[in-house]
Amino acid sequence: MNDSPREIIDLNPANIAPAADVLARAFDDDPMTRYLLPDPKRRAARAPWMHRACLRFALRHGRLQTTPALAGLAVWIPPDGTSMGMWQAVQCGMLLAPFRLGPRTCGRLFHITRLGDRWHKRALPEPHWYLFMLAVDPPYQGQGVGSALLSSGLARADAEGTPVYLETTTEKNVRFYQKHGFDVVFRESIGKASLPFWGMIRKSR
């Protein structure tokens, strides 16, 4: 097997737990994660569970891509995908969120989800691929893993003639995505902390 960190494969469902750990490490300094789980000890303990729930949802309704060494992860929701309604929440275990994450974190998470869904639908109502998450494990950052994961999904969207939508709360990520053809379509802020929230679209090539 080629162990190149830039070889892209589909995630084996058996690797959900280690993939969630990759997301927890990659997003530890992300403004969104710090807003949801500001205490470092609670963040380290609770973030992996939150990411496992998201990945279980994505396994049912999207496509997960990684590398042989789990150097990074891209979570894609296809044009015919679905948002997380009550039944989807039951399937992926999110109804346990108040107990696993705490009521304050859970309230913030669902508030952000509602706002994000509203802005998402307003920004791009036509069918599109949704880049739900893109993360690179810290030891592999700066080696082109993120670009390889992103390019794989963009090539698929271009072959279908479909635009791509994503969100980020990090300004450096905005610049990264702009280099790959995305344009900012809105910038909002969330909560008393004024958490920045960018929505970006890349039209098909």
N, C-alpha and C. Protein backbone atom coordinates (compact mmCIF):
# COMPACT_ATOMS: atom_id res chain seq x y z
N MET A 1 0.83 -1.20 0.00
CA MET A 1 0.00 0.00 0.00
C MET A 1 0.87 1.25 0.00
N ASN A 2 0.49 2.24 -0.75
CA ASN A 2 1.20 3.52 -0.78
C ASN A 2 0.84 4.31 0.47
N ASP A 3 1.86 4.65 1.30
CA ASP A 3 1.61 5.38 2.54
C ASP A 3 1.78 6.88 2.39
N SER A 4 1.77 7.36 1.17
CA SER A 4 1.89 8.80 0.95
C SER A 4 0.77 9.52 1.69
N PRO A 5 1.09 10.62 2.42
CA PRO A 5 0.03 11.35 3.13
C PRO A 5 -0.94 12.03 2.19
N ARG A 6 -0.62 12.05 0.88
CA ARG A 6 -1.51 12.70 -0.08
C ARG A 6 -2.27 11.72 -0.97
N GLU A 7 -2.18 10.42 -0.67
CA GLU A 7 -3.02 9.44 -1.36
C GLU A 7 -4.41 9.49 -0.73
N ILE A 8 -5.45 9.64 -1.54
CA ILE A 8 -6.80 9.82 -1.02
C ILE A 8 -7.60 8.53 -1.17
N ILE A 9 -8.21 8.09 -0.06
CA ILE A 9 -9.04 6.90 -0.04
C ILE A 9 -10.31 7.20 0.75
N ASP A 10 -11.32 6.34 0.61
CA ASP A 10 -12.52 6.46 1.44
C ASP A 10 -12.23 5.94 2.84
N LEU A 11 -12.83 6.58 3.83
CA LEU A 11 -12.63 6.16 5.21
C LEU A 11 -13.31 4.83 5.48
N ASN A 12 -12.57 3.90 6.08
CA ASN A 12 -13.15 2.65 6.55
C ASN A 12 -14.01 2.93 7.77
N PRO A 13 -15.30 2.52 7.77
CA PRO A 13 -16.15 2.80 8.93
C PRO A 13 -15.57 2.30 10.25
N ALA A 14 -14.70 1.28 10.20
CA ALA A 14 -14.09 0.79 11.43
C ALA A 14 -13.15 1.81 12.05
N ASN A 15 -12.77 2.84 11.27
CA ASN A 15 -11.83 3.85 11.76
C ASN A 15 -12.50 5.14 12.21
N ILE A 16 -13.79 5.05 12.54
CA ILE A 16 -14.49 6.25 12.99
C ILE A 16 -13.84 6.85 14.24
N ALA A 17 -13.52 6.01 15.22
CA ALA A 17 -12.95 6.53 16.47
C ALA A 17 -11.61 7.22 16.26
N PRO A 18 -10.63 6.58 15.58
CA PRO A 18 -9.37 7.31 15.36
C PRO A 18 -9.54 8.53 14.45
N ALA A 19 -10.48 8.47 13.51
CA ALA A 19 -10.74 9.65 12.68
C ALA A 19 -11.29 10.80 13.51
N ALA A 20 -12.16 10.48 14.47
CA ALA A 20 -12.67 11.53 15.36
C ALA A 20 -11.55 12.13 16.21
N ASP A 21 -10.59 11.30 16.60
CA ASP A 21 -9.45 11.82 17.35
C ASP A 21 -8.62 12.78 16.49
N VAL A 22 -8.49 12.46 15.19
CA VAL A 22 -7.80 13.37 14.27
C VAL A 22 -8.52 14.72 14.24
N LEU A 23 -9.85 14.69 14.12
CA LEU A 23 -10.61 15.93 14.10
C LEU A 23 -10.44 16.71 15.40
N ALA A 24 -10.45 16.01 16.52
CA ALA A 24 -10.29 16.69 17.81
C ALA A 24 -8.94 17.38 17.91
N ARG A 25 -7.88 16.73 17.45
CA ARG A 25 -6.56 17.35 17.48
C ARG A 25 -6.47 18.52 16.50
N ALA A 26 -7.00 18.32 15.31
CA ALA A 26 -6.89 19.35 14.27
C ALA A 26 -7.68 20.60 14.62
N PHE A 27 -8.84 20.41 15.27
CA PHE A 27 -9.71 21.54 15.57
C PHE A 27 -9.56 22.06 17.00
N ASP A 28 -8.54 21.60 17.72
CA ASP A 28 -8.39 22.00 19.11
C ASP A 28 -8.25 23.52 19.26
N ASP A 29 -7.54 24.16 18.33
CA ASP A 29 -7.35 25.61 18.38
C ASP A 29 -8.36 26.38 17.54
N ASP A 30 -9.31 25.68 16.94
CA ASP A 30 -10.28 26.35 16.08
C ASP A 30 -11.21 27.23 16.92
N PRO A 31 -11.50 28.45 16.45
CA PRO A 31 -12.39 29.33 17.23
C PRO A 31 -13.74 28.71 17.55
N MET A 32 -14.29 27.92 16.62
CA MET A 32 -15.58 27.28 16.88
C MET A 32 -15.48 26.30 18.05
N THR A 33 -14.44 25.47 18.05
CA THR A 33 -14.27 24.50 19.13
C THR A 33 -14.07 25.19 20.46
N ARG A 34 -13.26 26.24 20.46
CA ARG A 34 -13.02 26.98 21.71
C ARG A 34 -14.28 27.70 22.19
N TYR A 35 -15.12 28.11 21.28
CA TYR A 35 -16.39 28.72 21.66
C TYR A 35 -17.31 27.69 22.29
N LEU A 36 -17.35 26.49 21.71
CA LEU A 36 -18.21 25.44 22.23
C LEU A 36 -17.67 24.86 23.54
N LEU A 37 -16.35 24.66 23.60
CA LEU A 37 -15.72 24.01 24.75
C LEU A 37 -14.51 24.84 25.19
N PRO A 38 -14.74 25.93 25.88
CA PRO A 38 -13.62 26.83 26.20
C PRO A 38 -12.61 26.26 27.19
N ASP A 39 -13.02 25.36 28.06
CA ASP A 39 -12.10 24.78 29.03
C ASP A 39 -11.26 23.70 28.36
N PRO A 40 -9.92 23.80 28.40
CA PRO A 40 -9.06 22.83 27.69
C PRO A 40 -9.27 21.38 28.12
N LYS A 41 -9.45 21.14 29.42
CA LYS A 41 -9.63 19.77 29.89
C LYS A 41 -10.96 19.19 29.40
N ARG A 42 -12.02 19.97 29.47
CA ARG A 42 -13.31 19.49 28.98
C ARG A 42 -13.27 19.31 27.46
N ARG A 43 -12.56 20.20 26.78
CA ARG A 43 -12.46 20.09 25.33
C ARG A 43 -11.77 18.78 24.95
N ALA A 44 -10.67 18.46 25.64
CA ALA A 44 -9.95 17.22 25.33
C ALA A 44 -10.80 15.99 25.61
N ALA A 45 -11.65 16.07 26.63
CA ALA A 45 -12.45 14.91 27.01
C ALA A 45 -13.71 14.75 26.16
N ARG A 46 -14.30 15.87 25.72
CA ARG A 46 -15.61 15.82 25.09
C ARG A 46 -15.61 15.99 23.56
N ALA A 47 -14.59 16.65 23.03
CA ALA A 47 -14.56 16.89 21.58
C ALA A 47 -14.56 15.61 20.76
N PRO A 48 -13.80 14.56 21.14
CA PRO A 48 -13.84 13.33 20.33
C PRO A 48 -15.24 12.74 20.21
N TRP A 49 -16.02 12.75 21.29
CA TRP A 49 -17.38 12.22 21.20
C TRP A 49 -18.21 13.04 20.21
N MET A 50 -18.11 14.37 20.28
CA MET A 50 -18.85 15.24 19.37
C MET A 50 -18.50 14.93 17.92
N HIS A 51 -17.21 14.73 17.65
CA HIS A 51 -16.79 14.44 16.28
C HIS A 51 -17.22 13.04 15.84
N ARG A 52 -17.24 12.07 16.75
CA ARG A 52 -17.71 10.74 16.38
C ARG A 52 -19.18 10.79 15.95
N ALA A 53 -19.99 11.57 16.67
CA ALA A 53 -21.40 11.69 16.30
C ALA A 53 -21.55 12.31 14.91
N CYS A 54 -20.76 13.34 14.63
CA CYS A 54 -20.82 13.97 13.31
C CYS A 54 -20.39 13.00 12.21
N LEU A 55 -19.38 12.20 12.48
CA LEU A 55 -18.90 11.26 11.47
C LEU A 55 -19.91 10.14 11.24
N ARG A 56 -20.61 9.72 12.28
CA ARG A 56 -21.65 8.70 12.09
C ARG A 56 -22.76 9.23 11.19
N PHE A 57 -23.12 10.49 11.38
CA PHE A 57 -24.11 11.12 10.51
C PHE A 57 -23.60 11.16 9.07
N ALA A 58 -22.34 11.57 8.90
CA ALA A 58 -21.78 11.70 7.56
C ALA A 58 -21.64 10.35 6.87
N LEU A 59 -21.37 9.29 7.61
CA LEU A 59 -21.28 7.97 7.00
C LEU A 59 -22.60 7.55 6.36
N ARG A 60 -23.70 7.95 6.96
CA ARG A 60 -25.02 7.60 6.43
C ARG A 60 -25.44 8.49 5.27
N HIS A 61 -25.00 9.74 5.29
CA HIS A 61 -25.56 10.71 4.36
C HIS A 61 -24.53 11.40 3.47
N GLY A 62 -23.26 11.04 3.60
CA GLY A 62 -22.24 11.72 2.83
C GLY A 62 -21.10 10.81 2.42
N ARG A 63 -19.95 11.42 2.21
CA ARG A 63 -18.76 10.68 1.82
C ARG A 63 -17.58 11.18 2.65
N LEU A 64 -16.83 10.25 3.22
CA LEU A 64 -15.68 10.58 4.04
C LEU A 64 -14.42 10.10 3.34
N GLN A 65 -13.46 11.01 3.17
CA GLN A 65 -12.20 10.66 2.53
C GLN A 65 -11.04 10.98 3.45
N THR A 66 -10.01 10.14 3.36
CA THR A 66 -8.85 10.29 4.22
C THR A 66 -7.61 9.82 3.45
N THR A 67 -6.56 9.49 4.17
CA THR A 67 -5.35 8.90 3.58
C THR A 67 -5.07 7.59 4.30
N PRO A 68 -4.20 6.73 3.76
CA PRO A 68 -3.92 5.46 4.42
C PRO A 68 -3.46 5.60 5.87
N ALA A 69 -2.77 6.69 6.18
CA ALA A 69 -2.27 6.89 7.55
C ALA A 69 -3.19 7.78 8.39
N LEU A 70 -4.40 8.05 7.90
CA LEU A 70 -5.33 8.96 8.58
C LEU A 70 -4.66 10.31 8.87
N ALA A 71 -3.95 10.83 7.84
CA ALA A 71 -3.27 12.11 8.01
C ALA A 71 -4.25 13.28 8.05
N GLY A 72 -5.43 13.09 7.49
CA GLY A 72 -6.44 14.14 7.47
C GLY A 72 -7.77 13.54 7.08
N LEU A 73 -8.78 14.40 7.02
CA LEU A 73 -10.12 13.92 6.75
C LEU A 73 -10.93 15.01 6.07
N ALA A 74 -11.66 14.62 5.02
CA ALA A 74 -12.63 15.50 4.37
C ALA A 74 -14.00 14.86 4.46
N VAL A 75 -14.97 15.62 4.92
CA VAL A 75 -16.34 15.13 5.08
C VAL A 75 -17.22 15.90 4.10
N TRP A 76 -17.80 15.18 3.15
CA TRP A 76 -18.58 15.78 2.08
C TRP A 76 -20.04 15.32 2.16
N ILE A 77 -20.96 16.26 2.03
CA ILE A 77 -22.38 15.93 1.92
C ILE A 77 -22.79 16.19 0.47
N PRO A 78 -23.35 15.19 -0.24
CA PRO A 78 -23.65 15.34 -1.66
C PRO A 78 -24.89 16.18 -1.91
N PRO A 79 -25.13 16.55 -3.16
CA PRO A 79 -26.30 17.38 -3.49
C PRO A 79 -27.62 16.79 -3.04
N ASP A 80 -27.72 15.47 -2.99
CA ASP A 80 -28.97 14.84 -2.55
C ASP A 80 -28.92 14.46 -1.07
N GLY A 81 -27.95 15.04 -0.33
CA GLY A 81 -27.82 14.75 1.09
C GLY A 81 -28.93 15.38 1.90
N THR A 82 -28.82 15.22 3.20
CA THR A 82 -29.87 15.69 4.08
C THR A 82 -29.27 16.44 5.25
N SER A 83 -30.06 17.34 5.85
CA SER A 83 -29.62 18.00 7.06
C SER A 83 -29.96 17.11 8.26
N MET A 84 -29.43 17.46 9.42
CA MET A 84 -29.61 16.62 10.60
C MET A 84 -30.93 16.95 11.29
N GLY A 85 -31.99 16.24 10.90
CA GLY A 85 -33.27 16.34 11.57
C GLY A 85 -33.33 15.43 12.78
N MET A 86 -34.52 15.27 13.37
CA MET A 86 -34.66 14.48 14.59
C MET A 86 -34.25 13.03 14.38
N TRP A 87 -34.72 12.40 13.27
CA TRP A 87 -34.38 11.01 13.04
C TRP A 87 -32.89 10.82 12.81
N GLN A 88 -32.28 11.74 12.07
CA GLN A 88 -30.83 11.66 11.83
C GLN A 88 -30.07 11.84 13.15
N ALA A 89 -30.57 12.73 14.01
CA ALA A 89 -29.93 12.93 15.31
C ALA A 89 -29.99 11.66 16.15
N VAL A 90 -31.13 10.96 16.09
CA VAL A 90 -31.26 9.69 16.81
C VAL A 90 -30.26 8.67 16.28
N GLN A 91 -30.14 8.59 14.96
CA GLN A 91 -29.27 7.59 14.33
C GLN A 91 -27.80 7.78 14.71
N CYS A 92 -27.36 9.02 14.81
CA CYS A 92 -25.94 9.25 15.09
C CYS A 92 -25.65 9.49 16.56
N GLY A 93 -26.67 9.43 17.40
CA GLY A 93 -26.45 9.53 18.83
C GLY A 93 -26.45 10.93 19.40
N MET A 94 -26.83 11.94 18.60
CA MET A 94 -26.75 13.32 19.07
C MET A 94 -27.76 13.63 20.17
N LEU A 95 -28.76 12.78 20.38
CA LEU A 95 -29.69 13.04 21.47
C LEU A 95 -29.02 12.90 22.84
N LEU A 96 -27.85 12.29 22.86
CA LEU A 96 -27.08 12.19 24.10
C LEU A 96 -26.22 13.42 24.35
N ALA A 97 -26.24 14.38 23.40
CA ALA A 97 -25.36 15.54 23.50
C ALA A 97 -25.48 16.30 24.82
N PRO A 98 -26.70 16.55 25.35
CA PRO A 98 -26.77 17.28 26.62
C PRO A 98 -26.03 16.58 27.76
N PHE A 99 -25.97 15.24 27.71
CA PHE A 99 -25.30 14.49 28.77
C PHE A 99 -23.81 14.35 28.52
N ARG A 100 -23.42 14.22 27.24
CA ARG A 100 -22.01 14.02 26.90
C ARG A 100 -21.23 15.32 26.77
N LEU A 101 -21.92 16.38 26.33
CA LEU A 101 -21.24 17.66 26.11
C LEU A 101 -21.54 18.69 27.19
N GLY A 102 -22.64 18.51 27.89
CA GLY A 102 -23.08 19.51 28.85
C GLY A 102 -24.14 20.41 28.24
N PRO A 103 -25.08 20.90 29.04
CA PRO A 103 -26.19 21.69 28.50
C PRO A 103 -25.75 22.98 27.83
N ARG A 104 -24.74 23.67 28.37
CA ARG A 104 -24.32 24.94 27.77
C ARG A 104 -23.71 24.70 26.39
N THR A 105 -22.80 23.73 26.29
CA THR A 105 -22.19 23.42 25.00
C THR A 105 -23.24 22.95 24.01
N CYS A 106 -24.15 22.11 24.48
CA CYS A 106 -25.20 21.59 23.60
C CYS A 106 -26.07 22.72 23.08
N GLY A 107 -26.44 23.66 23.95
CA GLY A 107 -27.25 24.80 23.51
C GLY A 107 -26.53 25.64 22.47
N ARG A 108 -25.25 25.88 22.69
CA ARG A 108 -24.47 26.65 21.72
C ARG A 108 -24.37 25.91 20.39
N LEU A 109 -24.16 24.59 20.46
CA LEU A 109 -24.02 23.80 19.24
C LEU A 109 -25.28 23.84 18.40
N PHE A 110 -26.43 23.64 19.02
CA PHE A 110 -27.69 23.63 18.27
C PHE A 110 -28.04 25.03 17.77
N HIS A 111 -27.66 26.06 18.54
CA HIS A 111 -27.90 27.43 18.07
C HIS A 111 -27.08 27.72 16.82
N ILE A 112 -25.80 27.34 16.84
CA ILE A 112 -24.94 27.54 15.68
C ILE A 112 -25.45 26.73 14.49
N THR A 113 -25.90 25.51 14.75
CA THR A 113 -26.40 24.67 13.67
C THR A 113 -27.62 25.30 13.01
N ARG A 114 -28.53 25.83 13.80
CA ARG A 114 -29.72 26.47 13.24
C ARG A 114 -29.35 27.70 12.40
N LEU A 115 -28.47 28.53 12.95
CA LEU A 115 -28.05 29.71 12.20
C LEU A 115 -27.31 29.32 10.93
N GLY A 116 -26.39 28.35 11.05
CA GLY A 116 -25.64 27.92 9.88
C GLY A 116 -26.52 27.37 8.79
N ASP A 117 -27.52 26.58 9.17
CA ASP A 117 -28.45 26.02 8.17
C ASP A 117 -29.20 27.16 7.46
N ARG A 118 -29.62 28.16 8.21
CA ARG A 118 -30.36 29.27 7.61
C ARG A 118 -29.49 30.03 6.62
N TRP A 119 -28.26 30.35 7.02
CA TRP A 119 -27.36 31.10 6.13
C TRP A 119 -26.97 30.25 4.92
N HIS A 120 -26.76 28.96 5.15
CA HIS A 120 -26.40 28.04 4.08
C HIS A 120 -27.49 28.02 3.00
N LYS A 121 -28.73 27.80 3.42
CA LYS A 121 -29.84 27.71 2.46
C LYS A 121 -30.04 29.03 1.71
N ARG A 122 -29.84 30.13 2.41
CA ARG A 122 -30.01 31.43 1.76
C ARG A 122 -28.88 31.68 0.75
N ALA A 123 -27.66 31.26 1.06
CA ALA A 123 -26.51 31.54 0.20
C ALA A 123 -26.51 30.69 -1.06
N LEU A 124 -26.95 29.42 -0.95
CA LEU A 124 -26.86 28.53 -2.10
C LEU A 124 -28.05 27.56 -2.10
N PRO A 125 -29.20 27.99 -2.61
CA PRO A 125 -30.38 27.12 -2.61
C PRO A 125 -30.33 26.02 -3.67
N GLU A 126 -29.49 26.16 -4.70
CA GLU A 126 -29.43 25.15 -5.76
C GLU A 126 -28.65 23.93 -5.29
N PRO A 127 -28.78 22.77 -5.97
CA PRO A 127 -28.04 21.56 -5.57
C PRO A 127 -26.53 21.80 -5.59
N HIS A 128 -25.84 21.27 -4.59
CA HIS A 128 -24.40 21.49 -4.47
C HIS A 128 -23.79 20.48 -3.52
N TRP A 129 -22.48 20.32 -3.62
CA TRP A 129 -21.72 19.57 -2.62
C TRP A 129 -21.42 20.50 -1.45
N TYR A 130 -21.48 19.94 -0.25
CA TYR A 130 -21.23 20.69 0.98
C TYR A 130 -19.99 20.10 1.65
N LEU A 131 -18.93 20.89 1.75
CA LEU A 131 -17.74 20.46 2.47
C LEU A 131 -17.99 20.69 3.95
N PHE A 132 -18.45 19.66 4.62
CA PHE A 132 -18.86 19.75 6.02
C PHE A 132 -17.67 19.94 6.95
N MET A 133 -16.56 19.24 6.66
CA MET A 133 -15.34 19.37 7.45
C MET A 133 -14.13 19.06 6.59
N LEU A 134 -13.04 19.76 6.87
CA LEU A 134 -11.74 19.45 6.28
C LEU A 134 -10.71 19.66 7.38
N ALA A 135 -9.97 18.61 7.71
CA ALA A 135 -9.02 18.70 8.81
C ALA A 135 -7.77 17.89 8.50
N VAL A 136 -6.64 18.36 9.01
CA VAL A 136 -5.37 17.65 8.87
C VAL A 136 -4.76 17.48 10.26
N ASP A 137 -4.35 16.27 10.57
CA ASP A 137 -3.71 16.00 11.86
C ASP A 137 -2.46 16.89 11.98
N PRO A 138 -2.25 17.54 13.13
CA PRO A 138 -1.12 18.47 13.26
C PRO A 138 0.23 17.96 12.77
N PRO A 139 0.63 16.68 13.02
CA PRO A 139 1.94 16.25 12.52
C PRO A 139 2.07 16.28 11.00
N TYR A 140 0.95 16.28 10.28
CA TYR A 140 0.97 16.25 8.82
C TYR A 140 0.65 17.61 8.19
N GLN A 141 0.42 18.60 9.00
CA GLN A 141 0.06 19.91 8.45
C GLN A 141 1.26 20.51 7.71
N GLY A 142 0.96 21.24 6.63
CA GLY A 142 2.01 21.85 5.83
C GLY A 142 2.62 20.93 4.81
N GLN A 143 2.05 19.72 4.61
CA GLN A 143 2.59 18.75 3.65
C GLN A 143 1.67 18.55 2.44
N GLY A 144 0.68 19.39 2.28
CA GLY A 144 -0.21 19.30 1.13
C GLY A 144 -1.37 18.35 1.30
N VAL A 145 -1.59 17.84 2.52
CA VAL A 145 -2.67 16.88 2.75
C VAL A 145 -4.03 17.55 2.56
N GLY A 146 -4.19 18.74 3.15
CA GLY A 146 -5.46 19.44 3.03
C GLY A 146 -5.80 19.75 1.58
N SER A 147 -4.81 20.20 0.82
CA SER A 147 -5.05 20.52 -0.59
C SER A 147 -5.41 19.27 -1.38
N ALA A 148 -4.76 18.14 -1.06
CA ALA A 148 -5.06 16.88 -1.77
C ALA A 148 -6.48 16.42 -1.47
N LEU A 149 -6.89 16.48 -0.21
CA LEU A 149 -8.25 16.09 0.16
C LEU A 149 -9.28 17.00 -0.50
N LEU A 150 -9.00 18.29 -0.48
CA LEU A 150 -9.92 19.25 -1.08
C LEU A 150 -10.00 19.05 -2.59
N SER A 151 -8.86 18.91 -3.24
CA SER A 151 -8.83 18.78 -4.70
C SER A 151 -9.57 17.55 -5.18
N SER A 152 -9.50 16.46 -4.41
CA SER A 152 -10.21 15.24 -4.78
C SER A 152 -11.72 15.50 -4.86
N GLY A 153 -12.26 16.16 -3.85
CA GLY A 153 -13.69 16.46 -3.86
C GLY A 153 -14.07 17.49 -4.90
N LEU A 154 -13.22 18.48 -5.12
CA LEU A 154 -13.53 19.50 -6.12
C LEU A 154 -13.54 18.91 -7.52
N ALA A 155 -12.65 17.96 -7.78
CA ALA A 155 -12.63 17.31 -9.09
C ALA A 155 -13.94 16.57 -9.34
N ARG A 156 -14.45 15.93 -8.31
CA ARG A 156 -15.72 15.22 -8.44
C ARG A 156 -16.86 16.21 -8.71
N ALA A 157 -16.89 17.32 -7.97
CA ALA A 157 -17.93 18.32 -8.17
C ALA A 157 -17.85 18.92 -9.57
N ASP A 158 -16.63 19.19 -10.05
CA ASP A 158 -16.47 19.75 -11.39
C ASP A 158 -16.95 18.77 -12.45
N ALA A 159 -16.68 17.49 -12.25
CA ALA A 159 -17.12 16.49 -13.22
C ALA A 159 -18.64 16.44 -13.30
N GLU A 160 -19.31 16.78 -12.21
CA GLU A 160 -20.77 16.79 -12.18
C GLU A 160 -21.35 18.16 -12.54
N GLY A 161 -20.48 19.16 -12.67
CA GLY A 161 -20.95 20.52 -12.94
C GLY A 161 -21.69 21.13 -11.76
N THR A 162 -21.22 20.82 -10.55
CA THR A 162 -21.92 21.19 -9.33
C THR A 162 -21.07 22.15 -8.49
N PRO A 163 -21.65 23.22 -7.95
CA PRO A 163 -20.90 24.10 -7.07
C PRO A 163 -20.63 23.45 -5.71
N VAL A 164 -19.76 24.08 -4.93
CA VAL A 164 -19.39 23.57 -3.61
C VAL A 164 -19.55 24.69 -2.59
N TYR A 165 -20.08 24.34 -1.44
CA TYR A 165 -20.28 25.30 -0.35
C TYR A 165 -19.52 24.83 0.89
N LEU A 166 -19.02 25.78 1.67
CA LEU A 166 -18.39 25.46 2.95
C LEU A 166 -18.53 26.63 3.90
N GLU A 167 -18.22 26.36 5.17
CA GLU A 167 -18.18 27.39 6.19
C GLU A 167 -16.88 27.29 6.96
N THR A 168 -16.41 28.40 7.50
CA THR A 168 -15.23 28.39 8.35
C THR A 168 -15.33 29.52 9.36
N THR A 169 -14.65 29.35 10.48
CA THR A 169 -14.60 30.41 11.50
C THR A 169 -13.17 30.93 11.67
N THR A 170 -12.29 30.60 10.72
CA THR A 170 -10.89 30.96 10.82
C THR A 170 -10.45 31.75 9.59
N GLU A 171 -9.90 32.94 9.80
CA GLU A 171 -9.55 33.80 8.68
C GLU A 171 -8.46 33.19 7.80
N LYS A 172 -7.50 32.49 8.41
CA LYS A 172 -6.44 31.88 7.58
C LYS A 172 -7.03 30.81 6.66
N ASN A 173 -8.10 30.15 7.12
CA ASN A 173 -8.76 29.17 6.26
C ASN A 173 -9.45 29.84 5.09
N VAL A 174 -9.97 31.05 5.31
CA VAL A 174 -10.59 31.80 4.21
C VAL A 174 -9.58 31.97 3.09
N ARG A 175 -8.36 32.36 3.43
CA ARG A 175 -7.32 32.58 2.41
C ARG A 175 -6.95 31.26 1.73
N PHE A 176 -6.90 30.18 2.50
CA PHE A 176 -6.59 28.86 1.92
C PHE A 176 -7.65 28.48 0.89
N TYR A 177 -8.91 28.63 1.23
CA TYR A 177 -9.98 28.25 0.31
C TYR A 177 -10.05 29.19 -0.90
N GLN A 178 -9.72 30.44 -0.70
CA GLN A 178 -9.69 31.37 -1.83
C GLN A 178 -8.67 30.93 -2.87
N LYS A 179 -7.56 30.38 -2.42
CA LYS A 179 -6.54 29.88 -3.35
C LYS A 179 -7.06 28.71 -4.18
N HIS A 180 -8.10 28.05 -3.68
CA HIS A 180 -8.69 26.91 -4.40
C HIS A 180 -9.97 27.31 -5.12
N GLY A 181 -10.19 28.60 -5.29
CA GLY A 181 -11.30 29.05 -6.13
C GLY A 181 -12.58 29.42 -5.42
N PHE A 182 -12.58 29.42 -4.09
CA PHE A 182 -13.78 29.79 -3.34
C PHE A 182 -13.88 31.30 -3.18
N ASP A 183 -15.09 31.79 -3.14
CA ASP A 183 -15.37 33.20 -2.88
C ASP A 183 -16.22 33.32 -1.62
N VAL A 184 -15.94 34.35 -0.83
CA VAL A 184 -16.76 34.62 0.35
C VAL A 184 -18.11 35.18 -0.10
N VAL A 185 -19.19 34.58 0.38
CA VAL A 185 -20.53 35.06 0.02
C VAL A 185 -21.24 35.71 1.21
N PHE A 186 -20.77 35.44 2.43
CA PHE A 186 -21.26 36.18 3.59
C PHE A 186 -20.29 36.04 4.74
N ARG A 187 -20.34 37.01 5.65
CA ARG A 187 -19.61 36.93 6.91
C ARG A 187 -20.58 37.37 8.01
N GLU A 188 -20.79 36.48 8.97
CA GLU A 188 -21.68 36.76 10.08
C GLU A 188 -20.90 36.60 11.39
N SER A 189 -21.52 36.93 12.50
CA SER A 189 -20.92 36.69 13.80
C SER A 189 -21.96 36.04 14.70
N ILE A 190 -21.47 35.25 15.65
CA ILE A 190 -22.35 34.44 16.49
C ILE A 190 -22.08 34.73 17.96
N GLY A 191 -23.13 34.94 18.71
CA GLY A 191 -23.03 35.04 20.16
C GLY A 191 -22.38 36.30 20.66
N LYS A 192 -22.32 36.41 21.99
CA LYS A 192 -21.71 37.59 22.63
C LYS A 192 -20.23 37.67 22.33
N ALA A 193 -19.61 36.52 22.04
CA ALA A 193 -18.18 36.51 21.73
C ALA A 193 -17.91 36.97 20.29
N SER A 194 -18.99 37.23 19.52
CA SER A 194 -18.84 37.64 18.12
C SER A 194 -17.96 36.68 17.33
N LEU A 195 -18.26 35.39 17.47
CA LEU A 195 -17.52 34.38 16.72
C LEU A 195 -17.71 34.61 15.23
N PRO A 196 -16.63 34.82 14.47
CA PRO A 196 -16.78 35.06 13.03
C PRO A 196 -17.19 33.79 12.30
N PHE A 197 -17.99 33.96 11.25
CA PHE A 197 -18.54 32.81 10.53
C PHE A 197 -18.63 33.20 9.06
N TRP A 198 -17.75 32.59 8.24
CA TRP A 198 -17.74 32.87 6.81
C TRP A 198 -18.42 31.75 6.04
N GLY A 199 -19.22 32.11 5.04
CA GLY A 199 -19.75 31.16 4.09
C GLY A 199 -19.06 31.39 2.74
N MET A 200 -18.64 30.29 2.08
CA MET A 200 -17.89 30.41 0.85
C MET A 200 -18.44 29.45 -0.21
N ILE A 201 -18.36 29.87 -1.46
CA ILE A 201 -18.87 29.08 -2.59
C ILE A 201 -17.80 29.00 -3.67
N ARG A 202 -17.67 27.83 -4.26
CA ARG A 202 -16.84 27.66 -5.45
C ARG A 202 -17.74 27.15 -6.57
N LYS A 203 -17.81 27.91 -7.64
CA LYS A 203 -18.62 27.49 -8.77
C LYS A 203 -17.89 26.40 -9.54
N SER A 204 -18.64 25.55 -10.21
CA SER A 204 -18.04 24.45 -10.94
C SER A 204 -17.19 24.98 -12.10
N ARG A 205 -16.13 24.25 -12.43
CA ARG A 205 -15.23 24.66 -13.49
C ARG A 205 -15.60 23.97 -14.80
